[in-house]
N, C-alpha and C. Protein backbone atom coordinates (compact mmCIF):
# COMPACT_ATOMS: atom_id res chain seq x y z
N MET A 1 0.81 -1.18 0.00
CA MET A 1 0.00 0.00 0.00
C MET A 1 0.87 1.26 0.00
N PHE A 2 1.91 1.30 0.83
CA PHE A 2 2.76 2.48 0.89
C PHE A 2 3.55 2.66 -0.39
N LYS A 3 3.89 1.55 -1.05
CA LYS A 3 4.61 1.65 -2.31
C LYS A 3 3.72 2.29 -3.37
N ALA A 4 2.45 1.90 -3.40
CA ALA A 4 1.53 2.49 -4.36
C ALA A 4 1.33 3.98 -4.09
N LEU A 5 1.23 4.35 -2.82
CA LEU A 5 1.09 5.76 -2.46
C LEU A 5 2.34 6.54 -2.84
N GLY A 6 3.51 5.96 -2.59
CA GLY A 6 4.75 6.61 -2.96
C GLY A 6 4.88 6.79 -4.46
N ASN A 7 4.49 5.78 -5.23
CA ASN A 7 4.52 5.90 -6.69
C ASN A 7 3.56 6.99 -7.18
N PHE A 8 2.39 7.07 -6.56
CA PHE A 8 1.42 8.10 -6.94
C PHE A 8 1.98 9.50 -6.67
N LEU A 9 2.57 9.68 -5.50
CA LEU A 9 3.14 10.99 -5.15
C LEU A 9 4.34 11.33 -6.02
N TYR A 10 5.11 10.34 -6.40
CA TYR A 10 6.28 10.57 -7.23
C TYR A 10 5.88 11.01 -8.64
N ARG A 11 4.79 10.44 -9.16
CA ARG A 11 4.35 10.77 -10.52
C ARG A 11 3.56 12.07 -10.59
N THR A 12 3.02 12.54 -9.47
CA THR A 12 2.19 13.74 -9.45
C THR A 12 3.08 14.99 -9.50
N PRO A 13 2.77 15.94 -10.37
CA PRO A 13 3.57 17.18 -10.43
C PRO A 13 3.46 17.97 -9.13
N TRP A 14 4.49 18.72 -8.82
CA TRP A 14 4.53 19.45 -7.55
C TRP A 14 3.45 20.52 -7.48
N CYS A 15 3.10 21.13 -8.61
CA CYS A 15 2.06 22.16 -8.58
C CYS A 15 0.70 21.55 -8.23
N ALA A 16 0.44 20.34 -8.69
CA ALA A 16 -0.81 19.67 -8.34
C ALA A 16 -0.85 19.34 -6.85
N LEU A 17 0.29 18.94 -6.30
CA LEU A 17 0.33 18.65 -4.86
C LEU A 17 0.10 19.91 -4.03
N ILE A 18 0.65 21.04 -4.48
CA ILE A 18 0.45 22.29 -3.76
C ILE A 18 -1.01 22.72 -3.85
N LEU A 19 -1.61 22.62 -5.02
CA LEU A 19 -3.02 22.97 -5.17
C LEU A 19 -3.91 22.05 -4.34
N LEU A 20 -3.57 20.79 -4.29
CA LEU A 20 -4.33 19.85 -3.46
C LEU A 20 -4.23 20.22 -1.98
N GLY A 21 -3.03 20.58 -1.53
CA GLY A 21 -2.85 20.98 -0.14
C GLY A 21 -3.62 22.23 0.20
N ILE A 22 -3.60 23.22 -0.69
CA ILE A 22 -4.33 24.47 -0.45
C ILE A 22 -5.83 24.21 -0.43
N SER A 23 -6.31 23.38 -1.34
CA SER A 23 -7.74 23.09 -1.36
C SER A 23 -8.17 22.33 -0.11
N VAL A 24 -7.34 21.45 0.39
CA VAL A 24 -7.67 20.74 1.63
C VAL A 24 -7.75 21.72 2.80
N LEU A 25 -6.81 22.67 2.85
CA LEU A 25 -6.84 23.67 3.93
C LEU A 25 -8.09 24.55 3.83
N LEU A 26 -8.46 24.95 2.62
CA LEU A 26 -9.67 25.76 2.46
C LEU A 26 -10.93 25.00 2.85
N LEU A 27 -11.02 23.76 2.44
CA LEU A 27 -12.19 22.96 2.82
C LEU A 27 -12.25 22.73 4.32
N LEU A 28 -11.10 22.52 4.94
CA LEU A 28 -11.07 22.37 6.39
C LEU A 28 -11.50 23.65 7.08
N GLY A 29 -11.06 24.79 6.56
CA GLY A 29 -11.47 26.07 7.13
C GLY A 29 -12.96 26.30 7.02
N ILE A 30 -13.55 25.93 5.89
CA ILE A 30 -14.99 26.07 5.71
C ILE A 30 -15.74 25.11 6.63
N PHE A 31 -15.20 23.91 6.80
CA PHE A 31 -15.86 22.90 7.61
C PHE A 31 -15.91 23.30 9.09
N VAL A 32 -14.87 23.94 9.59
CA VAL A 32 -14.83 24.25 11.02
C VAL A 32 -15.35 25.65 11.35
N THR A 33 -15.76 26.44 10.35
CA THR A 33 -16.29 27.77 10.60
C THR A 33 -17.66 27.66 11.27
N PRO A 34 -17.83 28.30 12.41
CA PRO A 34 -19.11 28.23 13.11
C PRO A 34 -20.13 29.20 12.51
N PHE A 35 -20.85 28.75 11.51
CA PHE A 35 -21.79 29.62 10.82
C PHE A 35 -22.94 30.07 11.71
N HIS A 36 -23.31 29.24 12.68
CA HIS A 36 -24.39 29.65 13.58
C HIS A 36 -23.96 30.83 14.45
N VAL A 37 -22.68 30.92 14.78
CA VAL A 37 -22.19 32.06 15.57
C VAL A 37 -22.13 33.31 14.70
N ILE A 38 -21.76 33.15 13.45
CA ILE A 38 -21.72 34.29 12.55
C ILE A 38 -23.12 34.85 12.34
N SER A 39 -24.10 33.97 12.27
CA SER A 39 -25.48 34.45 12.10
C SER A 39 -25.97 35.17 13.35
N LEU A 40 -25.43 34.83 14.52
CA LEU A 40 -25.80 35.54 15.75
C LEU A 40 -25.39 37.00 15.67
N GLN A 41 -24.27 37.29 15.05
CA GLN A 41 -23.80 38.67 14.95
C GLN A 41 -24.75 39.51 14.11
N GLN A 42 -25.38 38.93 13.13
CA GLN A 42 -26.20 39.69 12.20
C GLN A 42 -27.66 39.77 12.63
N ARG A 43 -28.05 39.10 13.70
CA ARG A 43 -29.46 39.08 14.11
C ARG A 43 -29.87 40.32 14.90
N GLY A 44 -28.95 41.00 15.51
CA GLY A 44 -29.31 42.12 16.37
C GLY A 44 -29.98 43.25 15.60
N VAL A 45 -31.09 43.73 16.16
CA VAL A 45 -31.83 44.80 15.50
C VAL A 45 -31.16 46.13 15.75
N ASP A 46 -30.86 46.41 17.01
CA ASP A 46 -30.19 47.68 17.31
C ASP A 46 -28.77 47.41 17.80
N SER A 47 -28.07 48.47 18.10
CA SER A 47 -26.65 48.32 18.45
C SER A 47 -26.47 47.61 19.79
N ALA A 48 -27.42 47.76 20.71
CA ALA A 48 -27.29 47.09 22.01
C ALA A 48 -27.39 45.57 21.85
N GLN A 49 -28.31 45.12 21.01
CA GLN A 49 -28.43 43.68 20.79
C GLN A 49 -27.21 43.13 20.06
N LYS A 50 -26.70 43.88 19.10
CA LYS A 50 -25.50 43.43 18.39
C LYS A 50 -24.31 43.35 19.33
N HIS A 51 -24.19 44.33 20.23
CA HIS A 51 -23.09 44.32 21.18
C HIS A 51 -23.23 43.16 22.17
N ALA A 52 -24.46 42.87 22.58
CA ALA A 52 -24.69 41.75 23.49
C ALA A 52 -24.35 40.42 22.82
N SER A 53 -24.69 40.29 21.54
CA SER A 53 -24.36 39.05 20.85
C SER A 53 -22.86 38.91 20.65
N LEU A 54 -22.15 40.03 20.45
CA LEU A 54 -20.68 39.97 20.34
C LEU A 54 -20.05 39.53 21.65
N ARG A 55 -20.64 39.91 22.79
CA ARG A 55 -20.14 39.45 24.08
C ARG A 55 -20.48 37.99 24.33
N LEU A 56 -21.56 37.51 23.72
CA LEU A 56 -22.01 36.14 23.92
C LEU A 56 -21.17 35.14 23.12
N ILE A 57 -20.61 35.55 22.01
CA ILE A 57 -19.87 34.64 21.13
C ILE A 57 -18.70 33.96 21.83
N PRO A 58 -17.82 34.67 22.56
CA PRO A 58 -16.74 33.95 23.26
C PRO A 58 -17.25 32.95 24.30
N VAL A 59 -18.38 33.25 24.93
CA VAL A 59 -18.96 32.34 25.91
C VAL A 59 -19.42 31.06 25.23
N VAL A 60 -20.06 31.20 24.08
CA VAL A 60 -20.54 30.03 23.35
C VAL A 60 -19.35 29.19 22.88
N LEU A 61 -18.34 29.84 22.34
CA LEU A 61 -17.17 29.10 21.86
C LEU A 61 -16.44 28.40 23.00
N ALA A 62 -16.38 29.04 24.17
CA ALA A 62 -15.74 28.42 25.32
C ALA A 62 -16.53 27.20 25.79
N SER A 63 -17.84 27.27 25.74
CA SER A 63 -18.64 26.12 26.17
C SER A 63 -18.50 24.97 25.20
N VAL A 64 -18.41 25.27 23.91
CA VAL A 64 -18.20 24.22 22.92
C VAL A 64 -16.84 23.57 23.13
N GLN A 65 -15.83 24.39 23.41
CA GLN A 65 -14.49 23.86 23.65
C GLN A 65 -14.49 23.00 24.92
N ALA A 66 -15.21 23.41 25.94
CA ALA A 66 -15.28 22.61 27.16
C ALA A 66 -15.97 21.28 26.91
N ASP A 67 -17.01 21.29 26.07
CA ASP A 67 -17.70 20.04 25.73
C ASP A 67 -16.78 19.09 24.99
N VAL A 68 -16.00 19.63 24.06
CA VAL A 68 -15.07 18.77 23.29
C VAL A 68 -14.00 18.22 24.21
N THR A 69 -13.49 19.05 25.11
CA THR A 69 -12.47 18.59 26.05
C THR A 69 -13.02 17.53 26.99
N ALA A 70 -14.26 17.69 27.43
CA ALA A 70 -14.85 16.71 28.34
C ALA A 70 -15.07 15.37 27.67
N THR A 71 -15.39 15.38 26.39
CA THR A 71 -15.63 14.12 25.70
C THR A 71 -14.33 13.37 25.40
N ARG A 72 -13.22 14.10 25.34
CA ARG A 72 -11.93 13.44 25.06
C ARG A 72 -11.32 12.83 26.31
N SER A 73 -11.69 13.31 27.51
CA SER A 73 -11.06 12.75 28.70
C SER A 73 -11.78 11.55 29.22
């Protein structure tokens, strides 16, 4: 299996490998972007609600991080 992978990588041009790496990074960035948090920023009607939602975002992200950490231990 590793020989086949090595042969594939050896035959692939370097520009294709770089484009593949960049596309993987972009897809990973899109996958992990919290779109529900971004939509929270745009829901506020007036400036006070928008400011309150901006203060809420770090709290939400911290709770998600705590949940992920708790499930790994």
